[in-house]
């Protein structure tokens, strides 16, 4: 299984890959073993291009390691545009450090 994640999914979003509560259309009983991911894709319950989001057991957000070596806690309430810009180094968006 890959450790690939992206900022297209909100922090701590209910997600079958992270083990959090799955979307209602995916039976929770199918998610007890992460090796079953391929069968979820095969059965049409997840798209083949599915990439999960970041999550943590920290309430309200998660810790992130930045390219400069710093670790910062990002709140689940971060603005979507800022969160997505943080996850894309090639988008050309400049973000002030007081935005996250």
N, C-alpha and C. Protein backbone atom coordinates (compact mmCIF):
# COMPACT_ATOMS: atom_id res chain seq x y z
N UNK A 1 0.83 -1.18 0.00
CA UNK A 1 0.00 0.00 0.00
C UNK A 1 0.88 1.24 0.00
N UNK A 2 0.46 2.24 -0.70
CA UNK A 2 1.21 3.47 -0.83
C UNK A 2 0.97 4.39 0.36
N UNK A 3 1.93 5.25 0.62
CA UNK A 3 1.74 6.26 1.65
C UNK A 3 1.37 7.61 1.02
N UNK A 4 1.06 7.60 -0.27
CA UNK A 4 0.71 8.81 -0.98
C UNK A 4 -0.56 9.43 -0.40
N UNK A 5 -0.53 10.72 -0.18
CA UNK A 5 -1.69 11.48 0.32
C UNK A 5 -1.73 12.80 -0.43
N UNK A 6 -2.86 13.49 -0.36
CA UNK A 6 -2.92 14.80 -1.00
C UNK A 6 -3.81 15.75 -0.21
N UNK A 7 -3.77 17.03 -0.60
CA UNK A 7 -4.54 18.05 0.09
C UNK A 7 -5.89 18.30 -0.58
N UNK A 8 -6.31 17.40 -1.44
CA UNK A 8 -7.63 17.50 -2.05
C UNK A 8 -8.72 16.97 -1.13
N UNK A 9 -8.32 16.31 -0.06
CA UNK A 9 -9.25 15.77 0.93
C UNK A 9 -8.98 16.52 2.24
N UNK A 10 -10.00 17.03 2.91
CA UNK A 10 -9.79 17.78 4.16
C UNK A 10 -9.06 16.96 5.23
N UNK A 11 -8.35 17.63 6.12
CA UNK A 11 -7.64 16.99 7.22
C UNK A 11 -8.64 16.22 8.09
N UNK A 12 -8.28 14.99 8.43
CA UNK A 12 -9.09 14.11 9.28
C UNK A 12 -10.47 13.81 8.72
N UNK A 13 -10.60 13.88 7.41
CA UNK A 13 -11.85 13.54 6.74
C UNK A 13 -12.15 12.06 6.95
N UNK A 14 -13.41 11.71 7.13
CA UNK A 14 -13.79 10.31 7.25
C UNK A 14 -13.35 9.57 5.99
N UNK A 15 -12.45 8.63 6.15
CA UNK A 15 -11.74 8.05 5.00
C UNK A 15 -11.44 6.58 5.24
N UNK A 16 -11.79 5.71 4.32
CA UNK A 16 -11.56 4.29 4.53
C UNK A 16 -10.09 3.90 4.57
N UNK A 17 -9.23 4.68 3.96
CA UNK A 17 -7.81 4.35 3.95
C UNK A 17 -7.18 4.61 5.31
N UNK A 18 -7.56 5.68 5.96
CA UNK A 18 -6.99 6.02 7.26
C UNK A 18 -7.63 5.21 8.38
N UNK A 19 -8.71 4.51 8.08
CA UNK A 19 -9.38 3.73 9.11
C UNK A 19 -10.47 4.50 9.82
N UNK A 20 -10.66 5.77 9.46
CA UNK A 20 -11.76 6.53 10.04
C UNK A 20 -13.08 6.04 9.45
N UNK A 21 -14.19 6.49 9.97
CA UNK A 21 -15.49 6.08 9.47
C UNK A 21 -15.57 6.30 7.97
N UNK A 22 -15.99 5.28 7.27
CA UNK A 22 -16.05 5.33 5.81
C UNK A 22 -17.32 6.02 5.34
N UNK A 23 -17.31 6.52 4.10
CA UNK A 23 -18.55 7.04 3.53
C UNK A 23 -19.63 5.96 3.58
N UNK A 24 -20.86 6.38 3.70
CA UNK A 24 -21.97 5.44 3.93
C UNK A 24 -22.09 4.36 2.87
N UNK A 25 -21.69 4.64 1.64
CA UNK A 25 -21.88 3.65 0.58
C UNK A 25 -20.85 2.52 0.61
N UNK A 26 -19.81 2.64 1.44
CA UNK A 26 -18.81 1.58 1.56
C UNK A 26 -19.05 0.86 2.88
N UNK A 27 -19.36 -0.43 2.85
CA UNK A 27 -19.62 -1.16 4.09
C UNK A 27 -18.40 -1.13 5.01
N UNK A 28 -18.59 -0.69 6.25
CA UNK A 28 -17.49 -0.59 7.20
C UNK A 28 -16.84 -1.95 7.42
N UNK A 29 -17.60 -3.03 7.34
CA UNK A 29 -17.04 -4.37 7.53
C UNK A 29 -15.97 -4.68 6.50
N UNK A 30 -15.99 -4.03 5.35
CA UNK A 30 -15.01 -4.26 4.29
C UNK A 30 -13.70 -3.56 4.58
N UNK A 31 -13.66 -2.71 5.61
CA UNK A 31 -12.49 -1.85 5.83
C UNK A 31 -11.62 -2.30 6.98
N UNK A 32 -11.86 -3.49 7.52
CA UNK A 32 -11.08 -3.94 8.66
C UNK A 32 -9.66 -4.32 8.27
N UNK A 33 -9.44 -4.64 7.01
CA UNK A 33 -8.12 -5.02 6.53
C UNK A 33 -7.77 -4.12 5.35
N UNK A 34 -6.74 -3.29 5.51
CA UNK A 34 -6.41 -2.34 4.44
C UNK A 34 -5.94 -3.03 3.17
N UNK A 35 -5.58 -4.31 3.25
CA UNK A 35 -5.19 -5.02 2.03
C UNK A 35 -6.38 -5.20 1.10
N UNK A 36 -7.59 -4.93 1.58
CA UNK A 36 -8.78 -5.06 0.75
C UNK A 36 -9.02 -3.84 -0.13
N UNK A 37 -8.11 -2.88 -0.12
CA UNK A 37 -8.28 -1.68 -0.94
C UNK A 37 -8.49 -2.04 -2.41
N UNK A 38 -7.71 -2.98 -2.92
CA UNK A 38 -7.85 -3.32 -4.34
C UNK A 38 -9.23 -3.88 -4.64
N UNK A 39 -9.82 -4.61 -3.71
CA UNK A 39 -11.16 -5.13 -3.96
C UNK A 39 -12.20 -4.02 -3.90
N UNK A 40 -11.97 -2.99 -3.10
CA UNK A 40 -12.89 -1.85 -3.07
C UNK A 40 -12.88 -1.13 -4.41
N UNK A 41 -11.70 -1.02 -5.01
CA UNK A 41 -11.59 -0.41 -6.33
C UNK A 41 -12.25 -1.31 -7.37
N UNK A 42 -11.94 -2.61 -7.31
CA UNK A 42 -12.50 -3.56 -8.27
C UNK A 42 -14.03 -3.60 -8.20
N UNK A 43 -14.59 -3.51 -7.00
CA UNK A 43 -16.04 -3.55 -6.81
C UNK A 43 -16.71 -2.23 -7.14
N UNK A 44 -15.92 -1.20 -7.50
CA UNK A 44 -16.49 0.09 -7.85
C UNK A 44 -16.84 0.96 -6.67
N UNK A 45 -16.38 0.59 -5.46
CA UNK A 45 -16.67 1.38 -4.27
C UNK A 45 -15.69 2.54 -4.10
N UNK A 46 -14.53 2.44 -4.73
CA UNK A 46 -13.55 3.52 -4.77
C UNK A 46 -13.06 3.66 -6.20
N UNK A 47 -12.82 4.88 -6.67
CA UNK A 47 -12.29 5.05 -8.03
C UNK A 47 -10.83 4.58 -8.09
N UNK A 48 -10.36 4.11 -9.25
CA UNK A 48 -8.98 3.64 -9.38
C UNK A 48 -7.95 4.70 -9.03
N UNK A 49 -8.30 5.96 -9.22
CA UNK A 49 -7.37 7.05 -8.95
C UNK A 49 -7.44 7.55 -7.51
N UNK A 50 -8.11 6.82 -6.63
CA UNK A 50 -8.32 7.26 -5.24
C UNK A 50 -7.00 7.50 -4.52
N UNK A 51 -6.87 8.64 -3.90
CA UNK A 51 -5.74 8.97 -3.04
C UNK A 51 -6.34 9.56 -1.77
N UNK A 52 -5.99 9.02 -0.65
CA UNK A 52 -6.54 9.50 0.62
C UNK A 52 -5.92 10.81 1.06
N UNK A 53 -6.51 11.38 2.07
CA UNK A 53 -6.01 12.63 2.63
C UNK A 53 -5.18 12.38 3.87
N UNK A 54 -4.73 13.45 4.48
CA UNK A 54 -3.92 13.37 5.69
C UNK A 54 -4.84 13.26 6.91
N UNK A 55 -4.42 12.48 7.88
CA UNK A 55 -5.20 12.38 9.11
C UNK A 55 -4.28 12.10 10.28
N UNK A 56 -4.85 12.28 11.45
CA UNK A 56 -4.09 12.12 12.68
C UNK A 56 -5.07 11.81 13.80
N UNK A 57 -4.58 11.27 14.87
CA UNK A 57 -5.42 11.06 16.04
C UNK A 57 -5.49 12.32 16.91
N UNK A 58 -4.85 13.39 16.47
CA UNK A 58 -4.92 14.65 17.20
C UNK A 58 -6.28 15.29 16.91
N UNK A 59 -7.02 15.65 17.94
CA UNK A 59 -8.32 16.29 17.69
C UNK A 59 -8.13 17.67 17.08
N UNK A 60 -8.89 17.95 16.04
CA UNK A 60 -8.91 19.28 15.46
C UNK A 60 -7.89 19.55 14.38
N UNK A 61 -7.04 18.58 14.04
CA UNK A 61 -6.05 18.82 13.00
C UNK A 61 -4.99 17.75 12.97
N UNK A 62 -3.83 18.08 12.41
CA UNK A 62 -2.72 17.13 12.30
C UNK A 62 -1.39 17.87 12.22
N UNK A 63 -0.32 17.20 12.60
CA UNK A 63 1.03 17.75 12.47
C UNK A 63 1.55 17.46 11.07
N UNK A 64 2.22 18.45 10.49
CA UNK A 64 2.79 18.33 9.15
C UNK A 64 4.26 18.72 9.19
N UNK A 65 5.08 17.95 8.48
CA UNK A 65 6.49 18.26 8.32
C UNK A 65 6.63 19.08 7.04
N UNK A 66 7.22 20.26 7.15
CA UNK A 66 7.40 21.15 6.01
C UNK A 66 8.80 20.96 5.42
N UNK A 67 8.96 21.42 4.19
CA UNK A 67 10.22 21.28 3.48
C UNK A 67 11.40 21.97 4.15
N UNK A 68 11.15 22.95 5.01
CA UNK A 68 12.24 23.64 5.71
C UNK A 68 12.64 22.92 6.99
N UNK A 69 12.01 21.77 7.26
CA UNK A 69 12.33 20.98 8.45
C UNK A 69 11.46 21.28 9.65
N UNK A 70 10.61 22.28 9.56
CA UNK A 70 9.72 22.61 10.68
C UNK A 70 8.51 21.68 10.69
N UNK A 71 7.97 21.49 11.87
CA UNK A 71 6.74 20.72 12.04
C UNK A 71 5.69 21.68 12.58
N UNK A 72 4.54 21.70 11.95
CA UNK A 72 3.47 22.60 12.37
C UNK A 72 2.15 21.86 12.44
N UNK A 73 1.34 22.26 13.39
CA UNK A 73 0.00 21.72 13.52
C UNK A 73 -0.93 22.52 12.63
N UNK A 74 -1.62 21.84 11.71
CA UNK A 74 -2.59 22.51 10.85
C UNK A 74 -3.99 22.13 11.33
N UNK A 75 -4.80 23.13 11.54
CA UNK A 75 -6.17 22.92 11.99
C UNK A 75 -7.05 22.38 10.87
N UNK A 76 -8.03 21.58 11.25
CA UNK A 76 -9.03 21.12 10.29
C UNK A 76 -9.82 22.29 9.72
N UNK A 77 -9.77 23.42 10.38
CA UNK A 77 -10.52 24.60 9.95
C UNK A 77 -9.72 25.49 8.99
N UNK A 78 -8.56 25.02 8.56
CA UNK A 78 -7.75 25.79 7.62
C UNK A 78 -8.57 26.06 6.36
N UNK A 79 -8.41 27.25 5.79
CA UNK A 79 -9.12 27.56 4.55
C UNK A 79 -8.69 26.58 3.47
N UNK A 80 -9.65 26.07 2.73
CA UNK A 80 -9.40 25.07 1.69
C UNK A 80 -8.37 25.56 0.69
N UNK A 81 -8.47 26.81 0.27
CA UNK A 81 -7.53 27.34 -0.73
C UNK A 81 -6.09 27.36 -0.20
N UNK A 82 -5.91 27.68 1.07
CA UNK A 82 -4.58 27.70 1.67
C UNK A 82 -4.05 26.27 1.79
N UNK A 83 -4.87 25.36 2.26
CA UNK A 83 -4.47 23.96 2.43
C UNK A 83 -4.04 23.35 1.09
N UNK A 84 -4.82 23.60 0.06
CA UNK A 84 -4.47 23.06 -1.26
C UNK A 84 -3.20 23.71 -1.82
N UNK A 85 -3.01 24.99 -1.57
CA UNK A 85 -1.79 25.65 -2.03
C UNK A 85 -0.55 25.10 -1.31
N UNK A 86 -0.69 24.77 -0.04
CA UNK A 86 0.43 24.18 0.70
C UNK A 86 0.83 22.83 0.11
N UNK A 87 -0.11 22.14 -0.49
CA UNK A 87 0.16 20.82 -1.05
C UNK A 87 0.63 20.84 -2.49
N UNK A 88 0.78 22.02 -3.09
CA UNK A 88 1.16 22.09 -4.50
C UNK A 88 2.30 23.10 -4.66
N UNK A 89 3.51 22.61 -4.83
CA UNK A 89 4.65 23.52 -4.93
C UNK A 89 4.74 24.22 -6.28
N UNK A 90 4.00 23.74 -7.27
CA UNK A 90 4.12 24.29 -8.62
C UNK A 90 2.97 25.20 -9.02
N UNK A 91 2.09 25.55 -8.08
CA UNK A 91 0.93 26.36 -8.46
C UNK A 91 1.23 27.86 -8.50
N UNK A 92 2.39 28.26 -8.00
CA UNK A 92 2.78 29.66 -8.05
C UNK A 92 2.16 30.52 -6.97
N UNK A 93 1.33 29.95 -6.10
CA UNK A 93 0.70 30.72 -5.04
C UNK A 93 1.67 30.96 -3.89
N UNK A 94 1.77 32.20 -3.46
CA UNK A 94 2.57 32.54 -2.30
C UNK A 94 1.63 32.62 -1.10
N UNK A 95 2.04 31.99 -0.02
CA UNK A 95 1.20 31.94 1.17
C UNK A 95 1.97 32.53 2.34
N UNK A 96 1.38 33.46 3.02
CA UNK A 96 1.98 34.03 4.21
C UNK A 96 1.90 33.03 5.34
N UNK A 97 2.93 32.97 6.17
CA UNK A 97 2.92 31.98 7.25
C UNK A 97 1.87 32.27 8.32
N UNK A 98 1.22 33.42 8.27
CA UNK A 98 0.13 33.67 9.21
C UNK A 98 -1.21 33.14 8.72
N UNK A 99 -1.21 32.50 7.54
CA UNK A 99 -2.44 31.93 6.99
C UNK A 99 -2.63 30.48 7.42
N UNK A 100 -1.65 29.88 8.06
CA UNK A 100 -1.78 28.49 8.49
C UNK A 100 -1.16 28.28 9.84
